[in-house]
Protein backbone atom coordinates (compact mmCIF):
# COMPACT_ATOMS: atom_id res chain seq x y z
CA UNK A 1 -11.87 17.25 -10.88
CA UNK A 2 -13.04 16.43 -7.34
CA UNK A 3 -10.78 13.73 -5.92
CA UNK A 4 -11.01 11.67 -2.76
CA UNK A 5 -7.74 10.20 -1.51
CA UNK A 6 -7.50 7.37 0.99
CA UNK A 7 -4.16 6.97 2.72
CA UNK A 8 -3.35 10.62 2.12
CA UNK A 9 -1.29 10.98 5.30
CA UNK A 10 1.17 8.28 4.20
CA UNK A 11 4.24 9.04 2.14
CA UNK A 12 2.78 8.06 -1.25
CA UNK A 13 -0.53 9.61 -0.25
CA UNK A 14 1.07 12.95 0.57
CA UNK A 15 2.72 12.99 -2.85
CA UNK A 16 -0.69 12.33 -4.40
CA UNK A 17 -2.24 15.20 -2.45
CA UNK A 18 0.53 17.67 -3.31
CA UNK A 19 0.59 16.83 -7.01
CA UNK A 20 -3.22 16.76 -7.31
CA UNK A 21 -3.40 20.24 -5.82
CA UNK A 22 -0.64 21.44 -8.16
CA UNK A 23 -2.74 20.19 -11.08
CA UNK A 24 -5.75 22.20 -9.90
CA UNK A 25 -7.89 19.39 -8.54
CA UNK A 26 -10.19 19.82 -5.54
CA UNK A 27 -8.93 17.25 -3.06
CA UNK A 28 -10.53 15.56 -0.06
CA UNK A 29 -8.28 13.47 2.17
CA UNK A 30 -9.93 10.76 4.25
CA UNK A 31 -7.89 10.28 7.42
CA UNK A 32 -8.30 8.78 10.86
CA UNK A 33 -6.01 11.49 12.24
CA UNK A 34 -6.28 14.66 10.09
CA UNK A 35 -3.48 16.37 12.04
CA UNK A 36 -0.97 13.99 10.44
CA UNK A 37 -1.45 15.63 7.04
CA UNK A 38 0.04 18.95 8.14
CA UNK A 39 -0.95 20.70 4.95
CA UNK A 40 -3.29 23.59 4.05
CA UNK A 41 -4.64 24.71 0.67
CA UNK A 42 -7.76 26.44 -0.56
CA UNK A 43 -8.69 23.36 -2.60
CA UNK A 44 -7.92 20.88 0.18
CA UNK A 45 -10.41 19.39 2.61
CA UNK A 46 -9.58 16.81 5.25
CA UNK A 47 -12.35 14.51 6.43
CA UNK A 48 -11.91 12.55 9.63
CA UNK A 49 -13.04 8.96 9.36
CA UNK A 50 -12.15 5.32 9.79
CA UNK A 51 -11.76 3.05 6.77
CA UNK A 52 -13.43 0.31 8.85
CA UNK A 53 -16.59 2.43 9.14
CA UNK A 54 -18.64 2.02 5.96
CA UNK A 55 -20.95 4.96 6.63
CA UNK A 56 -18.07 7.42 6.89
CA UNK A 57 -16.54 6.00 3.72
CA UNK A 58 -19.81 6.43 1.83
CA UNK A 59 -20.23 9.99 3.12
CA UNK A 60 -16.74 10.88 1.89
CA UNK A 61 -17.33 9.43 -1.59
CA UNK A 62 -20.55 11.37 -2.21
CA UNK A 63 -20.22 13.91 -5.05
CA UNK A 64 -16.63 12.93 -5.86
CA UNK A 65 -15.48 12.47 -9.46
CA UNK A 66 -12.83 9.86 -8.72
CA UNK A 67 -11.16 8.01 -5.87
CA UNK A 68 -7.50 7.17 -5.32
CA UNK A 69 -6.17 4.81 -2.68
CA UNK A 70 -2.66 4.78 -1.25
CA UNK A 71 -3.73 2.76 1.77
CA UNK A 72 -0.94 0.77 3.31
CA UNK A 73 0.25 -0.93 6.45
CA UNK A 74 3.74 -0.08 7.67
CA UNK A 75 5.67 -3.33 8.15
CA UNK A 76 7.67 -3.54 11.38
CA UNK A 77 10.65 -5.35 9.88
CA UNK A 78 13.17 -3.46 12.01
CA UNK A 79 11.33 -4.28 15.22
CA UNK A 80 11.20 -7.98 14.36
CA UNK A 81 14.94 -8.07 13.67
CA UNK A 82 15.69 -6.27 16.94
CA UNK A 83 13.52 -8.69 18.97
CA UNK A 84 15.14 -11.72 17.34
CA UNK A 85 18.64 -10.34 18.01
CA UNK A 86 17.70 -9.64 21.64
CA UNK A 87 16.64 -13.28 22.05
CA UNK A 88 20.00 -14.47 20.76
CA UNK A 89 21.92 -12.06 23.02
CA UNK A 90 19.96 -13.07 26.12
CA UNK A 91 20.43 -16.77 25.41
CA UNK A 92 24.16 -16.26 25.00
CA UNK A 93 24.52 -13.97 28.03
CA UNK A 94 22.70 -16.39 30.32
CA UNK A 95 24.60 -19.36 28.90
CA UNK A 96 21.37 -21.26 28.50
CA UNK A 97 21.47 -24.87 27.40
CA UNK A 98 19.10 -27.63 26.46
CA UNK A 99 15.42 -26.89 26.01
CA UNK A 100 15.70 -23.33 27.33
CA UNK A 101 18.40 -22.50 24.81
CA UNK A 102 16.28 -23.87 21.96
CA UNK A 103 13.22 -22.00 23.18
CA UNK A 104 14.95 -18.61 23.29
CA UNK A 105 17.09 -19.02 20.20
CA UNK A 106 14.58 -20.71 17.90
CA UNK A 107 11.05 -21.07 19.26
CA UNK A 108 10.56 -17.48 20.48
CA UNK A 109 11.98 -15.91 17.26
CA UNK A 110 9.71 -18.17 15.20
CA UNK A 111 6.73 -17.11 17.28
CA UNK A 112 7.65 -13.45 16.77
CA UNK A 113 7.88 -13.99 13.01
CA UNK A 114 4.51 -15.78 12.94
CA UNK A 115 2.83 -12.99 14.91
CA UNK A 116 4.14 -10.25 12.63
CA UNK A 117 3.49 -12.25 9.44
CA UNK A 118 -0.07 -13.23 10.33
CA UNK A 119 -2.76 -12.48 7.78
CA UNK A 120 -4.27 -9.02 7.98
CA UNK A 121 -7.53 -7.77 6.49
CA UNK A 122 -7.20 -4.00 6.87
CA UNK A 123 -6.61 -3.27 3.19
CA UNK A 124 -9.14 -5.75 1.81
CA UNK A 125 -11.90 -4.78 4.26
CA UNK A 126 -11.33 -1.08 3.67
CA UNK A 127 -11.22 -1.53 -0.10
CA UNK A 128 -14.41 -3.56 0.02
CA UNK A 129 -16.16 -0.60 1.68
CA UNK A 130 -14.74 1.82 -0.90
CA UNK A 131 -15.85 -0.33 -3.84
CA UNK A 132 -19.30 -0.93 -2.37
CA UNK A 133 -19.85 2.80 -1.77
CA UNK A 134 -18.54 3.80 -5.20
CA UNK A 135 -20.85 1.34 -6.94
CA UNK A 136 -23.81 2.52 -4.89
CA UNK A 137 -23.15 6.21 -5.60
CA UNK A 138 -22.14 5.81 -9.23
CA UNK A 139 -18.56 7.07 -8.82
CA UNK A 140 -16.69 5.03 -11.41
CA UNK A 141 -12.97 5.85 -11.57
CA UNK A 142 -10.82 4.11 -8.94
CA UNK A 143 -7.02 4.17 -8.95
CA UNK A 144 -5.44 1.93 -6.32
CA UNK A 145 -1.81 1.42 -5.30
CA UNK A 146 -0.80 -2.20 -4.75
CA UNK A 147 2.69 -3.68 -5.28
CA UNK A 148 4.83 -5.78 -7.55
CA UNK A 149 4.89 -9.28 -6.14
CA UNK A 150 1.10 -9.51 -6.11
CA UNK A 151 -0.99 -11.53 -8.56
CA UNK A 152 0.63 -12.07 -11.94
CA UNK A 153 3.69 -10.08 -10.87
CA UNK A 154 4.80 -12.57 -8.21
CA UNK A 155 8.55 -13.02 -8.15
CA UNK A 156 9.24 -9.67 -9.82
CA UNK A 157 10.50 -7.84 -6.73
CA UNK A 158 13.83 -9.68 -6.85
CA UNK A 159 15.30 -12.52 -4.82
CA UNK A 160 15.52 -10.59 -1.54
CA UNK A 161 11.79 -9.84 -1.44
CA UNK A 162 10.61 -13.09 -3.02
CA UNK A 163 12.54 -15.47 -0.76
CA UNK A 164 13.29 -13.46 2.40
CA UNK A 165 11.27 -10.32 3.10
CA UNK A 166 7.85 -11.42 1.87
CA UNK A 167 7.88 -14.96 3.38
CA UNK A 168 9.36 -13.86 6.72
CA UNK A 169 7.97 -10.38 7.32
CA UNK A 170 5.40 -9.37 4.69
CA UNK A 171 3.43 -12.54 4.03
CA UNK A 172 0.28 -11.29 5.78
CA UNK A 173 0.42 -7.91 4.07
CA UNK A 174 0.84 -9.39 0.59
CA UNK A 175 -1.95 -11.91 1.21
CA UNK A 176 -4.19 -8.97 2.08
CA UNK A 177 -3.16 -7.18 -1.11
CA UNK A 178 -4.11 -10.28 -3.11
CA UNK A 179 -7.64 -10.13 -1.69
CA UNK A 180 -7.75 -6.36 -2.18
CA UNK A 181 -6.93 -6.74 -5.87
CA UNK A 182 -9.57 -9.44 -6.33
CA UNK A 183 -12.24 -7.21 -4.80
CA UNK A 184 -11.37 -4.40 -7.20
CA UNK A 185 -11.09 -6.72 -10.19
CA UNK A 186 -14.55 -8.19 -9.53
CA UNK A 187 -16.16 -4.75 -9.33
CA UNK A 188 -18.06 -2.79 -11.97
CA UNK A 189 -15.78 0.23 -11.55
CA UNK A 190 -13.41 1.82 -14.05
CA UNK A 191 -10.34 0.74 -12.11
CA UNK A 192 -6.59 0.70 -12.50
CA UNK A 193 -4.41 -1.16 -9.99
CA UNK A 194 -0.89 0.27 -9.95
CA UNK A 195 1.89 -2.10 -8.87
CA UNK A 196 5.05 -0.14 -8.00
CA UNK A 197 8.48 -1.65 -7.44
CA UNK A 198 10.26 -1.12 -4.10
CA UNK A 199 9.44 2.39 -2.94
CA UNK A 200 11.95 5.14 -2.22
CA UNK A 201 11.65 8.73 -1.02
CA UNK A 202 13.46 10.18 -4.03
CA UNK A 203 12.25 13.14 -6.10
CA UNK A 204 9.75 13.07 -8.92
CA UNK A 205 11.68 12.46 -12.14
CA UNK A 206 8.75 11.86 -14.48
CA UNK A 207 10.70 9.25 -16.46
CA UNK A 208 9.92 5.65 -15.54
CA UNK A 209 8.89 2.33 -17.08
CA UNK A 210 5.33 1.03 -16.84
CA UNK A 211 3.35 -1.89 -18.16
CA UNK A 212 3.30 -5.69 -17.79
CA UNK A 213 6.99 -6.56 -18.00
CA UNK A 214 8.14 -4.56 -14.98
CA UNK A 215 10.50 -5.74 -12.27
CA UNK A 216 13.09 -8.52 -12.27
CA UNK A 217 13.31 -11.99 -10.74
CA UNK A 218 16.87 -11.36 -9.47
CA UNK A 219 17.28 -7.64 -8.81
CA UNK A 220 14.97 -5.38 -6.81
CA UNK A 221 13.91 -2.43 -8.95
CA UNK A 222 12.90 0.83 -7.30
CA UNK A 223 10.74 3.88 -7.90
CA UNK A 224 10.09 7.00 -5.85
CA UNK A 225 6.75 7.52 -4.21
CA UNK A 226 6.51 10.85 -6.02
CA UNK A 227 6.74 9.13 -9.41
CA UNK A 228 4.18 6.54 -8.32
CA UNK A 229 1.84 9.43 -7.50
CA UNK A 230 2.60 10.99 -10.89
CA UNK A 231 1.65 7.77 -12.67
CA UNK A 232 -1.48 7.23 -10.57
CA UNK A 233 -2.80 10.72 -11.30
CA UNK A 234 -2.30 10.19 -15.02
CA UNK A 235 -4.65 7.20 -14.84
CA UNK A 236 -7.52 9.51 -13.94
CA UNK A 237 -7.89 10.59 -17.56
CA UNK A 238 -6.05 7.90 -19.54
CA UNK A 239 -7.67 4.60 -20.52
CA UNK A 240 -4.64 2.63 -21.65
CA UNK A 241 -4.55 0.59 -18.45
CA UNK A 242 -8.25 0.52 -17.67
CA UNK A 243 -9.10 -2.76 -15.91
CA UNK A 244 -5.39 -3.64 -15.85
CA UNK A 245 -2.60 -3.95 -13.28
CA UNK A 246 0.45 -2.11 -14.68
CA UNK A 247 3.75 -2.25 -12.87
CA UNK A 248 5.89 0.86 -12.57
CA UNK A 249 9.63 1.19 -11.89
CA UNK A 250 12.83 2.86 -13.07
């Protein structure tokens, strides 16, 4: 099968590429910076392009049998925490008081959080181009990685994500995923939206849970990126979850 993979230079995307090649597929990776893939294979082609450029997306999709997306935006949670801590340290070191103390201890950290949590449209805009091109060219099968915590799975990433990480650091990203899923759901494609639990870099085990009742309101379930890739590739030929949004976790 001829497969086009978006987000192939990311960690889940690389697992998709490696496993697809192992299974004998002919793989094209769409990447803004092809050098990041760092992989060579006789059945692998890397096409340079920008997901924001519709024409390059359409060119990549031509003559493909199916499309997989592992597009993502790396959240800068660590950077936000560091900046907030720096504000507290500076305020303490300078022995600030009054309005200046409040500004550095509270107002500036809040501004930092708002900046990093602002709504993004990278995933939804890129996915809109993919869907539009697939419908135009008659390429039907689309497998897209999303996340638990989106749509009907809200609250199933555990308390830490639901009440801390998503509201403070990932609100913009998850809002973009909501739009992304709606675009796919409204399309005429044969789609499957895969919602993994919290991702890890563990090995491919091949044994995991999938379906509607995945995740937990209290605990954060996990799954390796390699097993997410395994599940996504299976959706190329299976119809059990066609036009559905299965979760996947250990």
